Protein backbone atom coordinates (compact mmCIF):
# COMPACT_ATOMS: atom_id res chain seq x y z
CA MET A 1 -3.11 -8.26 23.49
CA LYS A 2 -1.37 -8.68 20.19
CA LYS A 3 0.67 -11.86 19.89
CA ILE A 4 2.72 -13.62 17.25
CA PHE A 5 0.80 -16.16 15.18
CA LEU A 6 1.23 -18.00 11.92
CA LEU A 7 0.57 -15.67 9.03
CA LEU A 8 -1.13 -17.30 6.10
CA LEU A 9 -0.33 -16.45 2.53
CA GLY A 10 -2.96 -16.63 -0.15
CA ALA A 11 -2.94 -16.17 -3.88
CA SER A 12 -5.83 -15.17 -6.15
CA LEU A 13 -6.38 -15.39 -9.85
CA PHE A 14 -7.64 -12.36 -11.75
CA TYR A 15 -9.05 -12.70 -15.23
CA SER A 16 -9.10 -10.20 -18.07
CA CYS A 17 -12.47 -9.56 -19.74
CA GLU A 18 -10.70 -9.33 -23.07
CA ASN A 19 -8.84 -12.63 -22.92
CA LEU A 20 -10.12 -16.09 -22.08
CA GLU A 21 -6.71 -17.12 -20.82
CA PRO A 22 -6.21 -16.45 -17.10
CA GLN A 23 -3.72 -13.71 -16.26
CA VAL A 24 -1.96 -14.35 -12.98
CA PHE A 25 -0.94 -11.09 -11.31
CA ASP A 26 0.04 -12.25 -7.83
CA ARG A 27 1.55 -15.71 -8.13
CA LEU A 28 4.48 -16.06 -5.77
CA SER A 29 7.80 -16.93 -7.36
CA PRO A 30 11.50 -16.41 -6.60
CA SER A 31 11.47 -13.39 -8.90
CA ASN A 32 8.84 -11.45 -6.97
CA TYR A 33 8.74 -12.95 -3.47
CA PRO A 34 10.16 -12.25 -0.99
CA LYS A 35 11.16 -8.75 -2.00
CA ASN A 36 10.74 -6.39 0.96
CA GLU A 37 10.80 -6.11 4.73
CA GLU A 38 7.14 -7.02 5.10
CA ASP A 39 7.68 -10.21 3.12
CA ALA A 40 10.65 -11.07 5.33
CA ARG A 41 8.57 -10.67 8.48
CA THR A 42 5.79 -12.81 7.04
CA LEU A 43 8.20 -15.60 6.15
CA VAL A 44 9.94 -15.67 9.51
CA THR A 45 6.69 -15.38 11.46
CA GLY A 46 5.30 -18.32 9.52
CA VAL A 47 8.06 -20.61 10.82
CA TYR A 48 6.66 -20.25 14.33
CA GLY A 49 3.73 -22.36 13.18
CA ILE A 50 5.73 -25.49 14.08
CA LEU A 51 5.55 -24.36 17.71
CA ASN A 52 1.93 -23.23 17.72
CA ARG A 53 -0.25 -25.22 15.37
CA GLY A 54 -3.20 -24.92 17.68
CA ALA A 55 -4.44 -26.95 20.60
CA TYR A 56 -3.80 -30.24 18.81
CA GLY A 57 -0.55 -29.83 16.97
CA GLY A 58 2.03 -27.53 18.55
CA PHE A 59 5.21 -27.87 20.58
CA SER A 60 3.20 -28.09 23.82
CA ASP A 61 0.16 -29.95 22.47
CA ILE A 62 -0.94 -32.18 25.36
CA SER A 63 -3.14 -34.61 23.41
CA TRP A 64 -0.48 -36.98 22.05
CA GLN A 65 2.66 -37.26 19.89
CA SER A 66 4.04 -33.87 20.96
CA ARG A 67 7.25 -32.96 22.73
CA TRP A 68 5.23 -32.43 25.91
CA VAL A 69 3.54 -35.83 25.79
CA MET A 70 6.74 -37.73 24.99
CA ASN A 71 8.53 -36.02 27.89
CA THR A 72 5.65 -36.48 30.33
CA ALA A 73 3.48 -39.53 29.62
CA THR A 74 6.57 -41.78 29.62
CA THR A 75 7.40 -40.86 33.22
CA ASP A 76 6.36 -41.40 36.82
CA GLU A 77 4.64 -38.00 37.13
CA PHE A 78 1.81 -38.95 34.78
CA VAL A 79 -1.07 -41.40 34.70
CA CYS A 80 -4.13 -41.27 32.45
CA TYR A 81 -7.62 -42.29 33.52
CA TRP A 82 -8.49 -43.05 29.91
CA GLY A 83 -6.48 -46.22 30.30
CA GLY A 84 -4.94 -48.38 27.57
CA GLY A 85 -4.14 -47.74 23.96
CA VAL A 86 -1.71 -44.92 23.33
CA TRP A 87 -1.35 -44.09 27.04
CA GLU A 88 -0.33 -47.64 27.91
CA THR A 89 2.11 -47.53 25.03
CA TYR A 90 3.81 -44.50 26.58
CA ALA A 91 3.69 -45.70 30.19
CA LYS A 92 4.96 -49.22 29.50
CA PHE A 93 7.41 -48.38 26.72
CA LEU A 94 5.52 -50.46 24.14
CA TRP A 95 6.32 -48.26 21.16
CA ASN A 96 8.15 -49.49 18.06
CA SER A 97 9.30 -48.06 14.74
CA ASN A 98 5.75 -48.19 13.36
CA SER A 99 4.19 -46.36 16.32
CA GLU A 100 3.11 -43.27 14.43
CA HIS A 101 0.92 -42.26 17.36
CA VAL A 102 4.14 -41.71 19.32
CA THR A 103 6.46 -39.96 16.84
CA ALA A 104 4.25 -38.38 14.17
CA LYS A 105 4.39 -34.79 15.42
CA THR A 106 8.10 -34.59 16.13
CA TYR A 107 10.45 -36.51 13.83
CA GLY A 108 9.18 -35.58 10.37
CA PRO A 109 7.67 -32.16 11.17
CA TYR A 110 10.75 -30.94 13.08
CA ILE A 111 13.13 -32.01 10.31
CA LYS A 112 10.97 -30.24 7.72
CA ALA A 113 10.81 -27.12 9.89
CA ILE A 114 14.60 -27.02 10.16
CA THR A 115 14.80 -27.27 6.35
CA ASN A 116 12.30 -24.42 6.14
CA CYS A 117 14.48 -22.29 8.42
CA VAL A 118 17.51 -22.97 6.22
CA ASN A 119 15.57 -22.01 3.09
CA ILE A 120 14.10 -18.82 4.52
CA ALA A 121 17.46 -17.67 5.86
CA GLU A 122 18.81 -17.98 2.32
CA GLN A 123 15.79 -16.17 0.83
CA LEU A 124 16.34 -13.23 3.17
CA GLU A 125 19.80 -12.50 1.83
CA PRO A 126 18.92 -10.50 -1.34
CA ILE A 127 16.13 -8.49 0.31
CA SER A 128 16.88 -4.77 0.63
CA MET A 129 15.91 -3.99 4.23
CA ASP A 130 17.27 -2.80 7.55
CA ALA A 131 20.47 -4.79 8.14
CA GLU A 132 19.99 -5.06 11.90
CA LEU A 133 16.45 -6.40 11.49
CA LYS A 134 17.59 -8.89 8.88
CA ALA A 135 20.28 -10.14 11.26
CA ARG A 136 17.65 -10.53 13.98
CA TYR A 137 15.36 -12.50 11.71
CA ARG A 138 18.20 -14.82 10.77
CA ALA A 139 18.98 -15.25 14.46
CA GLU A 140 15.34 -16.13 15.17
CA LEU A 141 15.52 -18.82 12.50
CA LYS A 142 18.67 -20.18 14.10
CA GLY A 143 17.03 -20.12 17.52
CA ILE A 144 14.07 -22.15 16.26
CA THR A 145 16.46 -24.51 14.48
CA ALA A 146 18.50 -25.06 17.65
CA LEU A 147 15.38 -25.68 19.74
CA LEU A 148 14.04 -28.28 17.30
CA ALA A 149 17.45 -29.87 16.68
CA TYR A 150 18.01 -30.30 20.41
CA THR A 151 14.58 -31.91 20.79
CA LEU A 152 15.32 -34.30 17.91
CA TYR A 153 18.69 -35.17 19.44
CA ASP A 154 17.15 -35.75 22.86
CA PHE A 155 14.42 -38.00 21.42
CA TYR A 156 16.21 -39.82 18.58
CA GLY A 157 19.93 -39.20 18.93
CA PRO A 158 21.91 -37.74 15.98
CA THR A 159 19.28 -37.01 13.34
CA ALA A 160 19.53 -36.83 9.55
CA ILE A 161 18.92 -33.16 8.87
CA VAL A 162 20.09 -31.12 5.86
CA THR A 163 21.57 -27.70 6.49
CA ASP A 164 22.98 -26.80 3.07
CA PRO A 165 20.64 -24.42 1.18
CA ALA A 166 22.16 -25.52 -2.12
CA ILE A 167 20.50 -28.87 -1.44
CA THR A 168 17.36 -27.80 0.38
CA LEU A 169 16.42 -25.21 -2.27
CA ASP A 170 17.04 -27.54 -5.21
CA PRO A 171 13.62 -28.88 -6.32
CA ASN A 172 15.29 -31.64 -8.32
CA THR A 173 17.61 -32.96 -5.65
CA ASN A 174 17.72 -36.66 -4.87
CA PHE A 175 20.06 -36.12 -1.95
CA GLN A 176 19.54 -38.54 0.94
CA PRO A 177 21.35 -37.63 4.16
CA GLU A 178 22.96 -40.11 6.50
CA ARG A 179 22.66 -39.81 10.24
CA PRO A 180 25.51 -37.57 11.42
CA THR A 181 27.97 -38.39 14.15
CA LYS A 182 27.21 -37.39 17.71
CA ALA A 183 30.08 -34.89 17.58
CA TRP A 184 28.61 -33.21 14.48
CA MET A 185 25.13 -33.01 16.01
CA LEU A 186 26.41 -31.55 19.25
CA ASN A 187 28.53 -28.98 17.44
CA PHE A 188 25.62 -28.03 15.18
CA ILE A 189 23.23 -27.43 18.09
CA LYS A 190 25.84 -25.55 20.11
CA SER A 191 27.05 -23.30 17.29
CA THR A 192 23.52 -22.59 16.03
CA ALA A 193 22.17 -21.76 19.48
CA ARG A 194 25.21 -19.66 20.36
CA ASP A 195 25.02 -17.68 17.13
CA ALA A 196 21.34 -17.05 17.83
CA ALA A 197 21.98 -16.02 21.44
CA ASP A 198 24.70 -13.58 20.42
CA LYS A 199 22.40 -11.75 18.00
CA LEU A 200 18.93 -11.98 19.57
CA PRO A 201 17.39 -9.32 21.83
CA VAL A 202 16.70 -10.08 25.47
CA ALA A 203 13.07 -9.04 25.04
CA TYR A 204 10.57 -7.72 22.48
CA SER A 205 7.63 -5.36 22.59
CA SER A 206 4.35 -6.99 23.60
CA GLN A 207 3.18 -7.34 20.00
CA ASP A 208 6.15 -9.60 19.27
CA TYR A 209 5.86 -11.62 22.47
CA GLY A 210 6.45 -15.29 21.73
CA ARG A 211 9.43 -14.83 19.43
CA ILE A 212 12.73 -16.52 20.23
CA THR A 213 14.87 -14.39 22.56
CA LYS A 214 18.47 -14.51 23.74
CA GLY A 215 17.22 -16.25 26.89
CA THR A 216 15.48 -18.96 24.86
CA ALA A 217 18.62 -19.71 22.85
CA LEU A 218 20.66 -19.85 26.06
CA MET A 219 18.12 -22.27 27.53
CA VAL A 220 18.78 -24.63 24.62
CA LEU A 221 22.49 -24.45 25.40
CA LEU A 222 21.80 -25.07 29.10
CA LYS A 223 19.56 -28.06 28.40
CA LEU A 224 22.17 -29.50 26.03
CA ALA A 225 24.97 -29.08 28.57
CA MET A 226 22.90 -30.84 31.23
CA HIS A 227 21.98 -33.59 28.75
CA GLU A 228 25.67 -34.20 28.11
CA LYS A 229 26.49 -33.86 31.84
CA ASP A 230 28.92 -31.07 31.08
CA TRP A 231 28.49 -29.49 34.51
CA THR A 232 31.07 -26.76 33.99
CA GLU A 233 29.40 -25.60 30.78
CA ALA A 234 25.97 -25.77 32.43
CA ALA A 235 27.19 -23.61 35.31
CA LYS A 236 28.60 -21.10 32.82
CA ILE A 237 25.43 -20.89 30.71
CA SER A 238 23.09 -20.69 33.71
CA LYS A 239 25.16 -17.81 35.06
CA GLU A 240 24.92 -16.11 31.66
CA ILE A 241 21.12 -16.35 31.84
CA MET A 242 21.04 -14.98 35.37
CA ASP A 243 23.36 -12.12 34.39
CA LEU A 244 20.85 -10.94 31.79
CA LYS A 245 18.94 -9.47 34.76
CA GLN A 246 15.77 -10.09 32.79
CA TYR A 247 14.20 -12.87 34.85
CA SER A 248 13.05 -13.29 38.43
CA LEU A 249 10.75 -15.56 40.42
CA GLN A 250 7.14 -14.51 40.77
CA VAL A 251 5.90 -14.02 44.32
CA SER A 252 2.95 -16.36 43.81
CA TYR A 253 3.47 -19.77 42.20
CA PRO A 254 -0.06 -20.15 40.72
CA SER A 255 0.18 -16.70 39.13
CA ILE A 256 3.00 -17.84 36.81
CA PHE A 257 0.47 -19.64 34.63
CA ALA A 258 -2.52 -17.31 34.99
CA VAL A 259 -3.94 -15.61 31.92
CA ASP A 260 -3.93 -12.21 33.63
CA ASN A 261 -0.21 -12.48 34.39
CA GLU A 262 1.14 -13.33 30.96
CA MET A 263 4.61 -12.12 29.98
CA ASN A 264 5.65 -12.14 33.64
CA SER A 265 9.31 -11.94 34.65
CA GLU A 266 9.70 -15.65 35.37
CA ILE A 267 8.86 -16.80 31.86
CA ILE A 268 11.81 -17.23 29.49
CA PHE A 269 9.85 -18.76 26.63
CA ALA A 270 6.11 -19.29 26.23
CA ILE A 271 3.88 -20.16 23.31
CA PRO A 272 1.08 -17.59 23.01
CA CYS A 273 -2.52 -18.77 23.18
CA LEU A 274 -5.87 -17.15 22.56
CA THR A 275 -9.40 -18.50 22.87
CA VAL A 276 -9.97 -18.10 19.12
CA ASN A 277 -8.62 -19.54 15.85
CA ASP A 278 -7.76 -22.89 17.45
CA ARG A 279 -4.70 -21.28 19.09
CA TYR A 280 -5.83 -22.08 22.59
CA ASN A 281 -4.76 -23.82 25.78
CA ASN A 282 -6.93 -26.84 26.62
CA TRP A 283 -5.17 -27.97 29.78
CA LEU A 284 -8.17 -27.90 32.12
CA ALA A 285 -10.31 -30.03 29.85
CA HIS A 286 -7.69 -32.78 30.08
CA VAL A 287 -7.21 -32.68 33.85
CA LEU A 288 -10.47 -31.65 35.55
CA PRO A 289 -12.89 -34.43 36.60
CA SER A 290 -16.56 -33.98 35.76
CA GLU A 291 -17.41 -33.69 39.46
CA TYR A 292 -15.40 -30.48 39.81
CA VAL A 293 -17.26 -27.19 40.21
CA GLU A 294 -15.40 -23.98 39.38
CA PRO A 295 -15.97 -21.72 42.43
CA ASN A 296 -15.73 -18.54 40.33
CA GLY A 297 -18.54 -19.72 38.09
CA ILE A 298 -16.36 -19.94 35.00
CA PRO A 299 -17.74 -22.59 32.65
CA VAL A 300 -14.99 -25.13 31.96
CA GLN A 301 -14.86 -28.29 29.87
CA LYS A 302 -13.97 -31.36 31.98
CA TRP A 303 -12.75 -34.69 30.58
CA GLY A 304 -10.80 -35.80 33.64
CA GLY A 305 -7.99 -37.75 31.99
CA TYR A 306 -4.59 -36.69 33.34
CA LYS A 307 -3.52 -37.28 36.94
CA VAL A 308 -0.38 -37.09 39.04
CA PRO A 309 0.09 -40.45 40.84
CA TRP A 310 -0.41 -40.26 44.59
CA ALA A 311 3.13 -41.49 45.24
CA MET A 312 4.39 -38.34 43.51
CA PHE A 313 1.81 -36.05 45.08
CA ASP A 314 2.99 -37.22 48.50
CA LYS A 315 6.42 -35.69 47.84
CA PHE A 316 4.88 -32.33 48.78
CA LYS A 317 4.75 -31.19 52.39
CA THR A 318 1.62 -29.63 53.86
CA GLY A 319 1.68 -25.87 53.38
CA ASP A 320 3.70 -25.93 50.16
CA GLU A 321 2.37 -23.07 48.02
CA ARG A 322 2.61 -25.29 44.95
CA LEU A 323 -0.22 -27.43 46.32
CA LYS A 324 -2.51 -24.66 45.12
CA SER A 325 -1.73 -25.94 41.63
CA ILE A 326 -1.91 -29.68 42.29
CA TRP A 327 -4.99 -30.85 44.16
CA GLY A 328 -5.61 -33.76 46.47
CA SER A 329 -9.11 -32.37 47.07
CA ILE A 330 -11.54 -30.75 44.64
CA ASN A 331 -14.50 -28.44 44.96
CA THR A 332 -17.77 -30.23 44.08
CA SER A 333 -21.46 -29.45 44.35
CA LYS A 334 -21.19 -30.88 47.89
CA GLY A 335 -18.18 -28.75 48.82
CA MET A 336 -14.52 -29.77 49.09
CA VAL A 337 -13.95 -33.50 48.80
CA ASP A 338 -10.72 -35.44 49.40
CA LEU A 339 -10.15 -37.43 46.23
CA ARG A 340 -8.72 -40.38 48.11
CA SER A 341 -11.98 -40.70 50.01
CA ILE A 342 -13.91 -41.27 46.78
CA ASN A 343 -14.27 -44.95 45.94
CA GLU A 344 -13.97 -44.40 42.19
CA SER A 345 -11.07 -45.38 39.94
CA TRP A 346 -10.72 -41.87 38.49
CA ALA A 347 -10.19 -40.48 41.99
CA GLN A 348 -7.94 -43.25 43.24
CA MET A 349 -5.48 -42.83 40.38
CA GLY A 350 -4.02 -39.55 41.52
CA ALA A 351 -4.15 -35.82 42.15
CA VAL A 352 -5.42 -33.13 39.78
CA PRO A 353 -2.64 -30.96 38.25
CA TYR A 354 -4.45 -27.60 38.08
CA LYS A 355 -1.46 -25.95 36.44
CA TYR A 356 -3.21 -23.32 34.33
CA PRO A 357 -5.98 -21.44 36.23
CA ALA A 358 -9.30 -21.00 34.44
CA ASP A 359 -9.48 -18.13 31.96
CA PRO A 360 -12.60 -15.99 32.66
CA ALA A 361 -12.95 -15.53 28.90
CA SER A 362 -12.75 -19.26 28.14
CA THR A 363 -15.09 -20.94 25.69
CA GLY A 364 -15.55 -24.65 26.26
CA GLU A 365 -12.12 -26.26 26.25
CA ALA A 366 -10.43 -23.10 24.92
CA HIS A 367 -8.47 -20.97 27.39
CA GLY A 368 -6.03 -18.17 26.60
CA ASN A 369 -3.24 -19.04 29.06
CA ASP A 370 0.11 -19.14 27.27
CA TRP A 371 1.92 -22.49 27.25
CA VAL A 372 5.03 -22.10 29.43
CA VAL A 373 8.06 -23.87 27.94
CA TYR A 374 11.04 -22.44 29.87
CA ARG A 375 11.09 -20.39 33.06
CA TYR A 376 13.57 -19.02 35.56
CA ALA A 377 12.99 -21.55 38.36
CA ASP A 378 14.22 -24.23 35.94
CA VAL A 379 17.47 -22.30 35.49
CA LEU A 380 18.03 -22.00 39.25
CA LEU A 381 17.51 -25.71 39.87
CA LEU A 382 19.65 -26.79 36.91
CA ARG A 383 22.44 -24.52 38.10
CA ALA A 384 22.15 -25.96 41.61
CA GLU A 385 22.45 -29.47 40.17
CA ALA A 386 25.48 -28.59 38.06
CA LEU A 387 27.22 -26.86 40.97
CA ASN A 388 26.54 -29.84 43.23
CA HIS A 389 28.43 -32.04 40.78
CA ILE A 390 31.31 -29.57 40.64
CA SER A 391 31.47 -28.82 44.37
CA PRO A 392 29.16 -31.11 46.37
CA LEU A 393 26.86 -29.45 48.90
CA SER A 394 28.14 -25.98 48.03
CA SER A 395 26.46 -23.04 49.71
CA GLU A 396 25.48 -21.56 46.35
CA ALA A 397 23.74 -24.78 45.24
CA VAL A 398 21.82 -24.97 48.52
CA GLY A 399 20.97 -21.27 48.28
CA LEU A 400 19.56 -21.62 44.77
CA ILE A 401 17.32 -24.49 45.87
CA ASN A 402 16.13 -22.43 48.82
CA MET A 403 15.22 -19.53 46.53
CA VAL A 404 12.71 -21.83 44.87
CA ARG A 405 11.54 -23.38 48.14
CA ASN A 406 11.18 -20.02 49.85
CA ARG A 407 8.84 -18.86 47.10
CA ALA A 408 6.84 -22.03 47.71
CA LYS A 409 6.71 -21.19 51.44
CA THR A 410 8.13 -24.57 52.38
CA THR A 411 11.01 -25.61 54.63
CA ALA A 412 14.48 -24.41 53.72
CA ILE A 413 17.27 -26.97 53.48
CA ILE A 414 20.83 -26.87 54.82
CA ALA A 415 23.89 -28.74 53.60
CA SER A 416 24.09 -30.88 56.74
CA ASP A 417 20.69 -32.39 55.84
CA PHE A 418 22.47 -34.45 53.18
CA VAL A 419 25.19 -37.08 53.27
CA GLY A 420 27.17 -36.24 50.17
CA GLU A 421 26.59 -35.29 46.54
CA ASN A 422 24.22 -38.13 45.63
CA ALA A 423 21.81 -37.37 48.45
CA LEU A 424 21.45 -33.76 47.37
CA ASN A 425 21.14 -34.85 43.72
CA ASP A 426 18.20 -37.07 44.70
CA PHE A 427 16.62 -34.14 46.52
CA ILE A 428 17.10 -31.87 43.51
CA LEU A 429 15.36 -34.43 41.30
CA ASP A 430 12.39 -34.45 43.67
CA GLU A 431 12.45 -30.67 43.92
CA ARG A 432 12.40 -30.37 40.16
CA PHE A 433 9.25 -32.49 40.14
CA ARG A 434 7.63 -30.38 42.85
CA GLU A 435 8.47 -27.16 41.05
CA LEU A 436 8.11 -28.19 37.39
CA PHE A 437 5.54 -30.98 37.49
CA MET A 438 3.76 -31.59 34.19
CA GLU A 439 5.74 -28.90 32.33
CA GLY A 440 7.49 -31.32 29.98
CA HIS A 441 10.89 -31.77 31.66
CA ARG A 442 10.53 -35.00 33.65
CA ARG A 443 11.83 -37.49 31.08
CA GLU A 444 15.07 -35.54 30.60
CA ASP A 445 15.51 -35.23 34.36
CA LEU A 446 14.99 -38.94 35.03
CA ILE A 447 17.37 -39.98 32.25
CA ARG A 448 20.04 -37.58 33.47
CA HIS A 449 19.71 -38.95 37.02
CA GLY A 450 19.77 -42.56 35.81
CA LYS A 451 16.24 -43.34 37.03
CA TYR A 452 14.13 -43.32 33.88
CA LEU A 453 14.32 -47.07 33.30
CA SER A 454 13.99 -48.10 36.95
CA GLU A 455 10.87 -45.97 37.36
CA ALA A 456 9.43 -47.57 34.22
CA LYS A 457 10.02 -51.03 35.66
CA LYS A 458 7.93 -50.07 38.67
CA ARG A 459 5.05 -49.36 36.27
CA GLY A 460 5.47 -52.78 34.67
CA ALA A 461 7.16 -51.55 31.51
CA SER A 462 7.59 -54.49 29.13
CA TYR A 463 10.74 -53.02 27.62
CA SER A 464 12.95 -51.10 30.01
CA ASP A 465 16.47 -51.58 28.74
CA GLU A 466 18.76 -48.82 27.53
CA SER A 467 17.28 -48.87 24.04
CA ARG A 468 14.28 -47.00 25.49
CA LEU A 469 16.42 -44.01 26.34
CA LEU A 470 15.78 -43.04 22.72
CA PHE A 471 12.65 -43.32 20.62
CA PRO A 472 12.80 -45.29 17.35
CA ILE A 473 13.39 -43.66 14.00
CA PRO A 474 9.98 -44.00 12.26
CA GLN A 475 9.96 -46.91 9.83
CA TRP A 476 8.64 -44.71 7.03
CA ALA A 477 11.81 -42.59 7.24
CA ILE A 478 14.01 -45.66 6.86
CA ASN A 479 11.88 -46.93 3.97
CA GLU A 480 12.34 -43.60 2.19
CA ASN A 481 16.06 -43.34 2.88
CA LYS A 482 17.98 -46.59 3.21
CA LYS A 483 21.05 -44.69 4.45
CA ILE A 484 19.32 -44.02 7.77
CA GLN A 485 20.13 -46.62 10.40
CA GLN A 486 17.65 -47.48 13.13
CA ASN A 487 18.42 -46.88 16.79
CA PRO A 488 19.71 -49.98 18.64
CA GLY A 489 17.02 -52.19 20.14
CA TYR A 490 14.40 -51.50 17.49
């Protein structure tokens, strides 16, 4: 399967036999690059590198510092057997403005990537090429910008980014941006994502799978609306996604994440992975204990670090189809063993989140399952939540939840099960965990429901006041630009 990956540019020096001075025939400069449609594609494709830098550097990198880790390891759905250090820092909110191991892969890299998008969009303008394709490329750049800008806003609040190409393309500039107002940041994300959504295709051919689509840009708008608790806007955007008629729930929950079911109809945005070139998925290595035996004989790396705490695992009812992807028992050389019956700390910490099934073509830790970022079940549950705020216990909200629960083959709910809006909201929060566990959404959900800090206190978080709703601006950024003010509490 052909997928979108970072294209690398190289330059070579060629020397004339008649002259000792080197003659450079292919040095890239504004006068000769980019100049054609192929150059434009190479430039735009290269920007996707911020999302897929390999198993230890991309948008869904699960080792540390990534968007996924910051949204997951700081919540009640995650515990790490490897214990202290960075994992205790996340769990107990011990980070500060010098905690590079927390912020290093988001703050600086995302700001630089947004600048890169601005620059490339400007460089595309003089290229003589198909006008429709050029417009699509510019929309892709805006889609990536909106995705990264929303993540920065969610993590750090209004962020000092530069969007004027006259500044970003000036090699001699000494411009130092201030942090914008909240209103400016919100308008920037909304207008950028909307412009992208209006111009992007709903889908691509398989060889371009992994590029930003209309659905991806709309998901940014939906996430932003939910973040701001603009329920009416969230209901509108979620309906717009549904009306694309592009997405639907898969029949089998485990199949969503299987390597042989990539590009399925439930996935709105995924980051492509292969078992080569360090562009792989290493989920199983992080979650499988060494005692596990793969029944299909597939050799898998097993480090046994990440668990789902038993208190969260117990939110599932027996028979829930999703329990095929989160295990309270594992297959060992002695057969199936209940983890809670094993008197070992690694087993007593929690269940095994077997989210991405083993790839038969895996090599060591490297599997080819695509990282799932956004999918349709998320849309249905966010819409249900928004509608419940607008019209508590509405039949549509209940129906949307039951669509997800019916796929999971678990008990349907009815409005009379709940005493008012708050009771159903609490259920939706739990249902979002059951459906989306360990997919990188939990922190946003807990903050939106007002439970992020209280759950942290239960884990013994040393700092659990409202300052921890945002991460600190890295100290190096403030040292470089004195106009940037730190977030309160740091």
